[in-house]
Amino acid sequence: MTDRLPLPVRDADATATITGILKQRFGDRAETGDSLRRQHAHTTTWIGNQPPDIVVWPETTAEVSEIVALAHHHRVPVIPFGTGTSLEGQVNAPAGGISIDFARMNKVLAVHPEDLDCVVQPGITRVALNTYLRDTGLFFPIDPGADASIGGMAATRASGTNAVRYGTMKDNILSLEAVLADGSVIRTGQRAKKSSAGYDLTRLMIGAEGTLGIITELTLRLHGIPEAISSAVCSFPTVEAACQAVIMTVQMGLPVARIELLDEVQVRACNGHSGLTLPETPLLLLEFHGTDAGVREQAETFGSIAEETGGTGFEWTTSPEERTRLWQARHDAYWAALTLRPGASPFVTDTCVPISRLADCMAATREKLTETGFIAPIVGHVGDGNFHTLLLVDMESVDEVEKAKAFVSWLSRLAIENDGTCTGEHGVGQGKKPYLDEELGGAVDAMVAIKAALDPRNILNPGKIL
C-alpha cells in the first residue's frame, strides 16, 4: 500500500545541521551511536528496524517544544519513544530524524486523592506509577502486559487485561498536554470529569501514535484499590465452549475485572515456562474485584456458568501468592511462546470482534493456523472480543515470512468482515496500514485532512497510520 502522505525527503545537510545543534545543546543527552539508534527503532516483532539519525532525552515540555520547533524549521522527522514495546513499528524512523526518548520525563507531578486523579509525565511506566500510588489506596488500572510507558500507552490507545471492567486508555485520560508540529504547546482540557467545551482534542491525540502531536503530560483517572480480589481458573474442552462461557458472563452483567483466554498451545507454553501443571486445553483465567462477599459471589456465579458450558477443574482463590503466580504466567505468555520454537522470531498480530462473533473467529483462526503449519499460540482479552495470535517464524525463510504476512492479511480481513477491527489495541503503525481503508472507508480521508492541517510538513512520526 502506498502511503497516503509521502514521507519527508531525507536531506543529508539538514540532518547534519540539526544533529550538530542538538549535540551542542543537549550534550550527553543527545547520542548518535549506531547500536543505540537501532535500539530506538522497531525490535519487538517482524517489521524491519529503521533507526533514527539521533536520539535525544528531554527533561521538560519546554525542551520537547524546542526540539520539535527545530525539526519543523529544518523539515526533519520527530519520533516519540517510550519503552519500545509497541508491536506495529510505531517507533521506526523510515525517513530518519530525531527519536525523542521520554525516559527522563518520568515524574508524578501531582496526585489528587479526593478527586481520584493524578498528573504525570509520559515516560513513567505503569508499574512505577502504581508503586508510587500504592500508599494512597488508588491505582491506575490499564494493564497491557508489558511495563509500557504511560505516554506510549496513550499514543497507541492501549488497553489490556483489565479493559472489560475499567475500559481502555481513552476512558482513563481526562486531559493532556501536547507539543504540535511547529513546537507550540496545547492543553486539551482540565481536571473536570466531563466537559462539553469544544472539540474532544484529548481523544483525538489518544491513539494518534504521535502523528498529530507529542504528548508531554497526562491527567489520569484513578480507581480505588479493591477491598478484596479473587482469581479463578477453569479449563474447557474447546475454544468455542470457553467463548460461550465468556458470552454468558458478559450478558449476565457479572462485573468481572479480567477474563483472559489461553488456547491449548499457549497453555502448553505457560506450563513449560512458568512451571505450571494446567490441563493443556483452552483455559479461562479470571479476576474479580469488590468486597469479600462480592468476590465470593462473583466467583461462585461464574463457577455455575462454567459448569453449564462444559468447564472443568474450576478453582478460585483470594491468596495473593497464588493470584500473582497465575497472572505472572499470563503476563509472561509472550516469552513462554518463544520457547515453543527456539530460534524463531515472533510475528504478532491482534484483532477484535463483537463478542457474539468471537467463538467462530477464534475457531476459524485455529483452523487456518493448522493449515499453514505454524506453531502459533492464541491469547485473548476475551471479555471485549480482543485476541492475539503469535506466529513463530523463521525470518530467514522467505517462504515462511510471506506465509505469515498472508495469514495476518487473512485474519485482519476476517475481523473486518465480522464487524470487527484489524487491531484492538496494538495500533496501526506500519503493519496494519493496508487494512485501514477496508475497515473505515471514507473516514480515512477525514484523518488525512486532520493530519495535513495539524502537521502540513508531515514531520510527526511519518509513515505511521496513513
Protein backbone atom coordinates (compact mmCIF):
# COMPACT_ATOMS: atom_id res chain seq x y z
CA MET A 1 0.00 0.00 0.00
CA THR A 2 1.28 3.46 -0.92
CA ASP A 3 1.37 5.93 1.95
CA ARG A 4 -1.46 8.46 1.81
CA LEU A 5 1.10 11.09 2.82
CA PRO A 6 4.55 10.80 1.22
CA LEU A 7 7.47 10.54 3.61
CA PRO A 8 9.63 13.65 4.03
CA VAL A 9 12.62 13.63 1.71
CA ARG A 10 15.80 12.86 3.61
CA ASP A 11 18.14 15.84 3.45
CA ALA A 12 21.70 14.97 4.49
CA ASP A 13 22.63 18.62 5.02
CA ALA A 14 19.58 19.31 7.20
CA THR A 15 20.25 16.14 9.21
CA ALA A 16 23.89 17.09 9.77
CA THR A 17 22.90 20.62 10.80
CA ILE A 18 20.24 19.58 13.28
CA THR A 19 22.42 16.79 14.70
CA GLY A 20 25.17 19.30 15.40
CA ILE A 21 22.77 21.76 17.03
CA LEU A 22 21.21 19.07 19.26
CA LYS A 23 24.59 17.68 20.35
CA GLN A 24 25.76 21.15 21.29
CA ARG A 25 22.51 22.00 23.07
CA PHE A 26 21.91 18.72 24.94
CA GLY A 27 25.43 17.33 25.38
CA ASP A 28 25.39 13.73 26.57
CA ARG A 29 21.58 13.76 26.29
CA ALA A 30 21.94 13.57 22.50
CA GLU A 31 23.53 10.44 21.03
CA THR A 32 24.23 9.13 17.52
CA GLY A 33 25.81 5.74 18.23
CA ASP A 34 24.67 3.04 15.79
CA SER A 35 23.61 0.41 18.35
CA LEU A 36 21.73 2.97 20.45
CA ARG A 37 19.90 4.30 17.39
CA ARG A 38 18.90 0.77 16.42
CA GLN A 39 17.61 0.16 19.95
CA HIS A 40 15.28 3.11 19.38
CA ALA A 41 13.74 1.58 16.26
CA HIS A 42 11.45 -1.41 15.94
CA THR A 43 12.76 -4.51 17.74
CA THR A 44 9.79 -6.49 19.10
CA THR A 45 8.32 -8.28 16.09
CA TRP A 46 8.59 -8.89 12.34
CA ILE A 47 8.78 -5.33 10.98
CA GLY A 48 12.30 -4.30 9.94
CA ASN A 49 14.46 -1.96 12.01
CA GLN A 50 14.60 1.64 10.69
CA PRO A 51 16.78 3.69 13.06
CA PRO A 52 16.63 7.45 13.60
CA ASP A 53 19.63 9.70 12.99
CA ILE A 54 19.90 10.89 16.58
CA VAL A 55 18.31 10.14 19.97
CA VAL A 56 17.59 12.96 22.43
CA TRP A 57 16.48 12.74 26.07
CA PRO A 58 14.49 15.88 27.05
CA GLU A 59 13.54 16.59 30.66
CA THR A 60 10.78 19.18 30.26
CA THR A 61 7.94 20.12 27.94
CA ALA A 62 9.90 23.26 27.03
CA GLU A 63 12.79 21.13 25.79
CA VAL A 64 10.45 18.95 23.71
CA SER A 65 8.95 22.11 22.23
CA GLU A 66 12.44 23.37 21.39
CA ILE A 67 13.38 20.11 19.65
CA VAL A 68 10.18 19.97 17.62
CA ALA A 69 10.39 23.63 16.58
CA LEU A 70 13.94 22.99 15.35
CA ALA A 71 12.81 19.88 13.47
CA HIS A 72 9.92 21.80 11.92
CA HIS A 73 12.25 24.52 10.70
CA HIS A 74 14.61 22.01 9.07
CA ARG A 75 11.80 19.63 7.91
CA VAL A 76 13.30 16.72 9.85
CA PRO A 77 11.03 13.95 11.28
CA VAL A 78 10.44 13.51 15.01
CA ILE A 79 9.53 10.12 16.51
CA PRO A 80 8.44 9.84 20.18
CA PHE A 81 9.82 6.84 22.12
CA GLY A 82 8.50 5.45 25.41
CA THR A 83 9.84 1.97 26.24
CA GLY A 84 9.82 0.50 22.74
CA THR A 85 7.22 -2.22 23.41
CA SER A 86 4.87 -1.29 20.55
CA LEU A 87 4.21 -4.11 18.09
CA GLU A 88 3.38 -2.49 14.75
CA GLY A 89 6.52 -0.46 14.01
CA GLN A 90 5.37 2.75 15.73
CA VAL A 91 8.91 3.76 16.79
CA ASN A 92 10.57 3.18 13.43
CA ALA A 93 12.10 6.11 11.56
CA PRO A 94 11.53 5.32 7.86
CA ALA A 95 12.73 8.80 6.86
CA GLY A 96 15.36 9.13 9.58
CA GLY A 97 15.11 12.01 12.00
CA ILE A 98 15.06 12.56 15.77
CA SER A 99 13.95 9.97 18.30
CA ILE A 100 12.69 11.73 21.45
CA ASP A 101 13.18 9.32 24.36
CA PHE A 102 10.97 10.20 27.33
CA ALA A 103 12.86 8.10 29.90
CA ARG A 104 13.88 11.25 31.84
CA MET A 105 10.36 12.69 31.81
CA ASN A 106 9.09 10.06 34.26
CA LYS A 107 7.72 12.01 37.21
CA VAL A 108 4.40 12.04 39.01
CA LEU A 109 3.63 15.77 39.04
CA ALA A 110 0.54 15.72 41.27
CA VAL A 111 -1.89 13.33 42.93
CA HIS A 112 -5.40 14.43 43.93
CA PRO A 113 -6.77 11.52 46.01
CA GLU A 114 -10.03 13.29 46.78
CA ASP A 115 -10.68 13.72 43.03
CA LEU A 116 -9.36 10.29 42.01
CA ASP A 117 -6.85 11.68 39.52
CA CYS A 118 -3.16 12.35 39.04
CA VAL A 119 -0.88 14.27 36.66
CA VAL A 120 2.16 12.51 35.19
CA GLN A 121 4.89 12.90 32.62
CA PRO A 122 4.74 10.48 29.67
CA GLY A 123 7.88 8.49 30.45
CA ILE A 124 6.65 6.94 33.70
CA THR A 125 5.75 3.28 33.34
CA ARG A 126 2.50 1.79 34.58
CA VAL A 127 4.33 -0.33 37.22
CA ALA A 128 6.28 2.68 38.52
CA LEU A 129 3.09 4.73 38.67
CA ASN A 130 1.17 2.11 40.63
CA THR A 131 4.11 1.64 43.01
CA TYR A 132 4.06 5.39 43.65
CA LEU A 133 0.29 5.36 44.20
CA ARG A 134 0.16 2.33 46.48
CA ASP A 135 0.07 4.24 49.78
CA THR A 136 -2.81 6.41 48.56
CA GLY A 137 -5.16 3.43 48.20
CA LEU A 138 -5.53 4.21 44.49
CA PHE A 139 -4.30 2.58 41.30
CA PHE A 140 -4.22 3.08 37.54
CA PRO A 141 -5.96 0.05 36.02
CA ILE A 142 -4.78 -0.17 32.41
CA ASP A 143 -2.50 -3.20 32.08
CA PRO A 144 -1.33 -4.10 28.55
CA GLY A 145 1.02 -6.75 29.93
CA ALA A 146 4.33 -5.09 29.09
CA ASP A 147 5.62 -2.45 31.51
CA ALA A 148 4.94 0.22 28.92
CA SER A 149 5.21 3.97 29.42
CA ILE A 150 2.00 5.88 30.10
CA GLY A 151 2.70 8.19 27.14
CA GLY A 152 3.18 5.25 24.80
CA MET A 153 0.02 3.61 26.11
CA ALA A 154 -1.90 6.81 25.38
CA ALA A 155 -0.37 7.16 21.92
CA THR A 156 -1.46 3.64 20.92
CA ARG A 157 -4.79 3.74 22.83
CA ALA A 158 -3.70 0.68 24.81
CA SER A 159 -5.99 -1.48 26.89
CA GLY A 160 -5.17 -4.97 28.18
CA THR A 161 -6.37 -7.41 30.77
CA ASN A 162 -8.48 -5.01 32.87
CA ALA A 163 -10.31 -3.38 29.96
CA VAL A 164 -13.50 -5.40 30.39
CA ARG A 165 -14.18 -3.57 33.67
CA TYR A 166 -12.11 -0.38 33.61
CA GLY A 167 -12.08 0.46 29.89
CA THR A 168 -9.09 1.47 27.76
CA MET A 169 -6.72 4.43 27.81
CA LYS A 170 -9.32 6.66 26.15
CA ASP A 171 -11.62 6.09 29.13
CA ASN A 172 -8.97 6.87 31.74
CA ILE A 173 -7.34 10.09 30.50
CA LEU A 174 -9.05 13.34 31.48
CA SER A 175 -6.77 15.68 29.58
CA LEU A 176 -3.27 16.01 28.25
CA GLU A 177 -0.60 18.42 27.17
CA ALA A 178 0.95 18.03 23.72
CA VAL A 179 3.54 19.66 21.51
CA LEU A 180 2.27 20.31 17.99
CA ALA A 181 4.29 20.08 14.77
CA ASP A 182 5.50 23.70 14.88
CA GLY A 183 6.66 23.38 18.50
CA SER A 184 3.64 25.11 20.05
CA VAL A 185 2.18 23.60 23.22
CA ILE A 186 -1.52 22.95 23.83
CA ARG A 187 -3.57 21.61 26.73
CA THR A 188 -6.68 19.71 25.72
CA GLY A 189 -8.73 20.08 28.90
CA GLN A 190 -8.88 20.50 32.67
CA ARG A 191 -9.29 18.02 35.54
CA ALA A 192 -13.09 18.01 35.48
CA LYS A 193 -14.56 14.53 34.98
CA LYS A 194 -16.54 15.70 31.97
CA SER A 195 -16.69 18.66 29.60
CA SER A 196 -18.74 19.88 26.64
CA ALA A 197 -16.25 22.63 25.78
CA GLY A 198 -15.33 22.36 22.12
CA TYR A 199 -13.79 19.51 20.16
CA ASP A 200 -12.56 16.48 22.10
CA LEU A 201 -8.87 17.01 21.36
CA THR A 202 -7.90 14.68 24.18
CA ARG A 203 -9.33 11.66 22.42
CA LEU A 204 -8.05 12.91 19.08
CA MET A 205 -4.49 12.67 20.42
CA ILE A 206 -5.10 9.32 22.16
CA GLY A 207 -4.38 6.60 19.61
CA ALA A 208 -2.82 9.01 17.09
CA GLU A 209 0.57 7.31 17.62
CA GLY A 210 2.43 10.62 17.77
CA THR A 211 1.32 11.66 14.27
CA LEU A 212 -0.73 14.70 15.40
CA GLY A 213 1.18 15.85 18.49
CA ILE A 214 3.73 14.65 21.02
CA ILE A 215 2.23 14.04 24.45
CA THR A 216 4.25 15.63 27.27
CA GLU A 217 1.84 15.45 30.24
CA LEU A 218 -1.28 13.45 31.13
CA THR A 219 -4.06 13.81 33.69
CA LEU A 220 -5.24 10.30 34.53
CA ARG A 221 -8.39 8.93 36.12
CA LEU A 222 -7.60 6.70 39.13
CA HIS A 223 -9.58 3.99 40.91
CA GLY A 224 -9.67 2.72 44.47
CA ILE A 225 -7.71 -0.46 45.18
CA PRO A 226 -10.41 -3.13 45.72
CA GLU A 227 -11.09 -4.34 49.25
CA ALA A 228 -10.84 -7.92 48.02
CA ILE A 229 -9.57 -9.62 44.86
CA SER A 230 -10.12 -13.22 43.83
CA SER A 231 -8.78 -15.11 40.84
CA ALA A 232 -10.26 -18.14 39.15
CA VAL A 233 -9.09 -20.65 36.58
CA CYS A 234 -11.16 -23.10 34.54
CA SER A 235 -10.39 -25.44 31.65
CA PHE A 236 -12.69 -26.12 28.69
CA PRO A 237 -12.84 -28.85 26.05
CA THR A 238 -12.84 -26.37 23.15
CA VAL A 239 -12.28 -22.69 22.43
CA GLU A 240 -15.95 -22.48 21.46
CA ALA A 241 -17.03 -23.71 24.91
CA ALA A 242 -14.75 -21.20 26.63
CA CYS A 243 -16.11 -18.38 24.47
CA GLN A 244 -19.67 -19.40 25.27
CA ALA A 245 -18.85 -19.08 28.99
CA VAL A 246 -17.47 -15.59 28.30
CA ILE A 247 -20.59 -14.56 26.39
CA MET A 248 -22.86 -15.75 29.19
CA THR A 249 -20.70 -13.97 31.78
CA VAL A 250 -20.89 -10.66 29.93
CA GLN A 251 -24.58 -10.96 29.09
CA MET A 252 -25.43 -11.67 32.75
CA GLY A 253 -23.66 -8.46 33.73
CA LEU A 254 -21.21 -10.22 36.04
CA PRO A 255 -18.71 -7.44 36.97
CA VAL A 256 -15.60 -9.44 36.13
CA ALA A 257 -12.38 -7.37 36.23
CA ARG A 258 -10.36 -9.59 33.93
CA ILE A 259 -11.26 -12.56 31.75
CA GLU A 260 -8.44 -14.00 29.64
CA LEU A 261 -8.48 -16.96 27.29
CA LEU A 262 -5.39 -19.05 26.56
CA ASP A 263 -5.72 -21.71 23.88
CA GLU A 264 -4.19 -25.14 24.32
CA VAL A 265 -0.93 -24.16 22.59
CA GLN A 266 -0.43 -21.17 24.90
CA VAL A 267 -1.28 -23.25 27.99
CA ARG A 268 1.39 -25.75 26.99
CA ALA A 269 3.90 -22.92 26.63
CA CYS A 270 2.99 -21.43 30.03
CA ASN A 271 3.26 -24.81 31.75
CA GLY A 272 6.78 -25.24 30.47
CA HIS A 273 7.95 -21.67 31.02
CA SER A 274 6.29 -20.94 34.38
CA GLY A 275 6.35 -24.40 35.97
CA LEU A 276 2.56 -24.85 35.98
CA THR A 277 0.60 -28.10 35.63
CA LEU A 278 -2.57 -26.82 34.00
CA PRO A 279 -4.54 -29.16 31.71
CA GLU A 280 -3.40 -28.44 28.17
CA THR A 281 -6.81 -27.47 26.85
CA PRO A 282 -8.33 -23.99 26.35
CA LEU A 283 -8.31 -22.11 29.64
CA LEU A 284 -10.06 -19.08 31.10
CA LEU A 285 -8.25 -17.02 33.72
CA LEU A 286 -10.44 -14.54 35.61
CA GLU A 287 -10.19 -11.90 38.31
CA PHE A 288 -12.95 -10.38 40.44
CA HIS A 289 -12.77 -7.10 42.38
CA GLY A 290 -15.02 -5.94 45.20
CA THR A 291 -15.85 -6.77 48.81
CA ASP A 292 -15.07 -10.13 50.41
CA ALA A 293 -18.67 -11.22 49.98
CA GLY A 294 -18.85 -9.74 46.48
CA VAL A 295 -15.86 -11.53 45.03
CA ARG A 296 -17.02 -14.81 46.56
CA GLU A 297 -20.44 -14.40 44.97
CA GLN A 298 -18.95 -13.44 41.60
CA ALA A 299 -16.62 -16.46 41.60
CA GLU A 300 -19.40 -18.84 42.55
CA THR A 301 -21.69 -17.43 39.86
CA PHE A 302 -19.01 -17.91 37.23
CA GLY A 303 -18.48 -21.45 38.51
CA SER A 304 -22.10 -22.21 37.67
CA ILE A 305 -21.68 -20.72 34.19
CA ALA A 306 -18.53 -22.76 33.63
CA GLU A 307 -20.26 -25.98 34.64
CA GLU A 308 -23.13 -25.25 32.24
CA THR A 309 -20.73 -24.70 29.32
CA GLY A 310 -18.53 -27.75 29.90
CA GLY A 311 -15.83 -26.24 32.07
CA THR A 312 -13.78 -28.47 34.37
CA GLY A 313 -11.28 -28.00 37.16
CA PHE A 314 -12.79 -24.68 38.24
CA GLU A 315 -10.85 -23.21 41.18
CA TRP A 316 -10.78 -19.77 42.72
CA THR A 317 -8.57 -18.18 45.35
CA THR A 318 -8.03 -14.94 47.22
CA SER A 319 -4.43 -15.86 48.08
CA PRO A 320 -2.16 -13.04 46.83
CA GLU A 321 0.66 -15.51 46.19
CA GLU A 322 -1.48 -17.83 44.08
CA ARG A 323 -3.06 -14.93 42.20
CA THR A 324 0.36 -13.47 41.43
CA ARG A 325 1.64 -16.84 40.21
CA LEU A 326 -1.24 -17.28 37.77
CA TRP A 327 -1.24 -13.72 36.43
CA GLN A 328 2.54 -13.61 36.12
CA ALA A 329 2.27 -16.66 33.91
CA ARG A 330 -0.25 -14.77 31.76
CA HIS A 331 1.98 -11.70 31.59
CA ASP A 332 4.89 -13.95 30.59
CA ALA A 333 2.87 -15.54 27.77
CA TYR A 334 4.93 -13.77 25.09
CA TRP A 335 8.21 -15.13 26.45
CA ALA A 336 6.67 -18.53 27.09
CA ALA A 337 5.54 -18.74 23.47
CA LEU A 338 9.09 -18.21 22.22
CA THR A 339 10.18 -21.45 23.92
CA LEU A 340 7.92 -23.49 21.64
CA ARG A 341 10.27 -22.96 18.70
CA PRO A 342 13.73 -21.86 19.87
CA GLY A 343 15.44 -19.56 17.39
CA ALA A 344 12.21 -18.48 15.72
CA SER A 345 11.03 -14.88 15.78
CA PRO A 346 7.61 -13.66 16.99
CA PHE A 347 5.19 -12.49 14.31
CA VAL A 348 2.49 -10.89 16.45
CA THR A 349 -0.93 -9.60 15.46
CA ASP A 350 -4.21 -8.73 17.17
CA THR A 351 -7.83 -8.31 16.14
CA CYS A 352 -11.09 -7.53 17.90
CA VAL A 353 -14.64 -8.60 17.01
CA PRO A 354 -18.09 -8.31 18.59
CA ILE A 355 -18.25 -10.85 21.38
CA SER A 356 -21.02 -12.79 19.62
CA ARG A 357 -18.58 -13.48 16.74
CA LEU A 358 -15.62 -14.37 18.96
CA ALA A 359 -16.04 -18.16 19.09
CA ASP A 360 -16.40 -18.53 15.32
CA CYS A 361 -13.48 -16.21 14.57
CA MET A 362 -11.13 -17.89 17.02
CA ALA A 363 -12.10 -21.35 15.75
CA ALA A 364 -11.52 -20.23 12.15
CA THR A 365 -8.16 -18.76 13.19
CA ARG A 366 -7.01 -22.02 14.74
CA GLU A 367 -8.14 -23.96 11.65
CA LYS A 368 -6.21 -21.56 9.40
CA LEU A 369 -3.09 -21.85 11.57
CA THR A 370 -3.26 -25.64 11.37
CA GLU A 371 -3.47 -25.31 7.59
CA THR A 372 -0.36 -23.07 7.49
CA GLY A 373 1.65 -25.37 9.75
CA PHE A 374 2.84 -22.58 12.06
CA ILE A 375 3.27 -23.06 15.79
CA ALA A 376 1.13 -20.15 17.00
CA PRO A 377 -0.42 -19.66 20.43
CA ILE A 378 -3.60 -17.56 20.79
CA VAL A 379 -4.44 -15.46 23.85
CA GLY A 380 -7.31 -13.07 24.26
CA HIS A 381 -8.79 -10.31 26.37
CA VAL A 382 -11.99 -12.09 25.50
CA GLY A 383 -14.32 -10.05 27.71
CA ASP A 384 -14.23 -7.40 24.99
CA GLY A 385 -13.67 -9.64 21.96
CA ASN A 386 -9.94 -8.95 21.55
CA PHE A 387 -7.49 -11.76 20.77
CA HIS A 388 -3.81 -12.01 19.88
CA THR A 389 -2.01 -14.52 17.67
CA LEU A 390 1.75 -15.06 17.87
CA LEU A 391 3.25 -16.95 14.95
CA LEU A 392 6.74 -18.37 15.44
CA VAL A 393 8.54 -17.72 12.18
CA ASP A 394 11.98 -18.40 10.73
CA MET A 395 12.71 -14.88 9.48
CA GLU A 396 15.49 -16.24 7.25
CA SER A 397 12.89 -18.20 5.29
CA VAL A 398 11.30 -16.06 2.58
CA ASP A 399 8.51 -18.63 2.22
CA GLU A 400 7.65 -18.57 5.94
CA VAL A 401 7.67 -14.77 6.10
CA GLU A 402 5.35 -14.50 3.11
CA LYS A 403 3.02 -17.14 4.57
CA ALA A 404 2.95 -15.24 7.87
CA LYS A 405 2.14 -11.96 6.13
CA ALA A 406 -0.63 -13.68 4.18
CA PHE A 407 -2.06 -15.03 7.43
CA VAL A 408 -2.09 -11.57 9.02
CA SER A 409 -3.93 -10.23 5.96
CA TRP A 410 -6.43 -13.08 6.12
CA LEU A 411 -7.05 -12.57 9.86
CA SER A 412 -7.40 -8.79 9.57
CA ARG A 413 -9.99 -9.20 6.82
CA LEU A 414 -11.80 -11.92 8.78
CA ALA A 415 -12.21 -9.50 11.67
CA ILE A 416 -13.40 -6.66 9.42
CA GLU A 417 -15.90 -8.97 7.68
CA ASN A 418 -17.30 -9.82 11.12
CA ASP A 419 -17.89 -6.15 12.02
CA GLY A 420 -14.63 -6.05 13.92
CA THR A 421 -11.30 -4.27 13.61
CA CYS A 422 -7.86 -5.16 12.26
CA THR A 423 -6.35 -4.06 15.59
CA GLY A 424 -7.97 -3.96 19.01
CA GLU A 425 -5.05 -2.48 20.91
CA HIS A 426 -1.69 -2.76 19.12
CA GLY A 427 -2.44 0.20 16.86
CA VAL A 428 -1.90 0.69 13.13
CA GLY A 429 1.73 1.83 12.96
CA GLN A 430 3.28 0.46 9.78
CA GLY A 431 1.95 -3.09 9.96
CA LYS A 432 -1.80 -2.51 9.78
CA LYS A 433 -1.90 0.38 7.26
CA PRO A 434 -3.05 -1.86 4.38
CA TYR A 435 -6.37 -2.61 6.11
CA LEU A 436 -7.44 0.83 7.30
CA ASP A 437 -9.29 1.76 4.09
CA GLU A 438 -11.14 -1.56 4.12
CA GLU A 439 -12.23 -1.03 7.71
CA LEU A 440 -13.05 2.69 7.74
CA GLY A 441 -13.57 3.70 4.13
CA GLY A 442 -14.06 7.43 3.64
CA ALA A 443 -13.24 8.14 7.29
CA VAL A 444 -9.58 7.73 6.34
CA ASP A 445 -9.89 10.78 4.07
CA ALA A 446 -11.00 12.78 7.11
CA MET A 447 -7.95 11.51 9.01
CA VAL A 448 -5.69 12.63 6.15
CA ALA A 449 -7.27 16.10 6.27
CA ILE A 450 -6.72 16.38 10.03
CA LYS A 451 -3.11 15.24 9.71
CA ALA A 452 -2.45 17.71 6.88
CA ALA A 453 -3.96 20.56 8.91
CA LEU A 454 -2.01 19.87 12.11
CA ASP A 455 1.24 18.67 10.52
CA PRO A 456 1.49 20.03 6.96
CA ARG A 457 5.18 19.10 6.66
CA ASN A 458 4.50 15.54 7.87
CA ILE A 459 7.34 15.52 10.37
CA LEU A 460 5.46 13.93 13.31
CA ASN A 461 6.10 10.17 13.20
CA PRO A 462 5.71 9.97 9.41
CA GLY A 463 4.86 6.68 7.74
CA LYS A 464 2.51 5.55 10.51
CA ILE A 465 -1.28 5.01 10.24
CA LEU A 466 -1.64 6.88 6.93
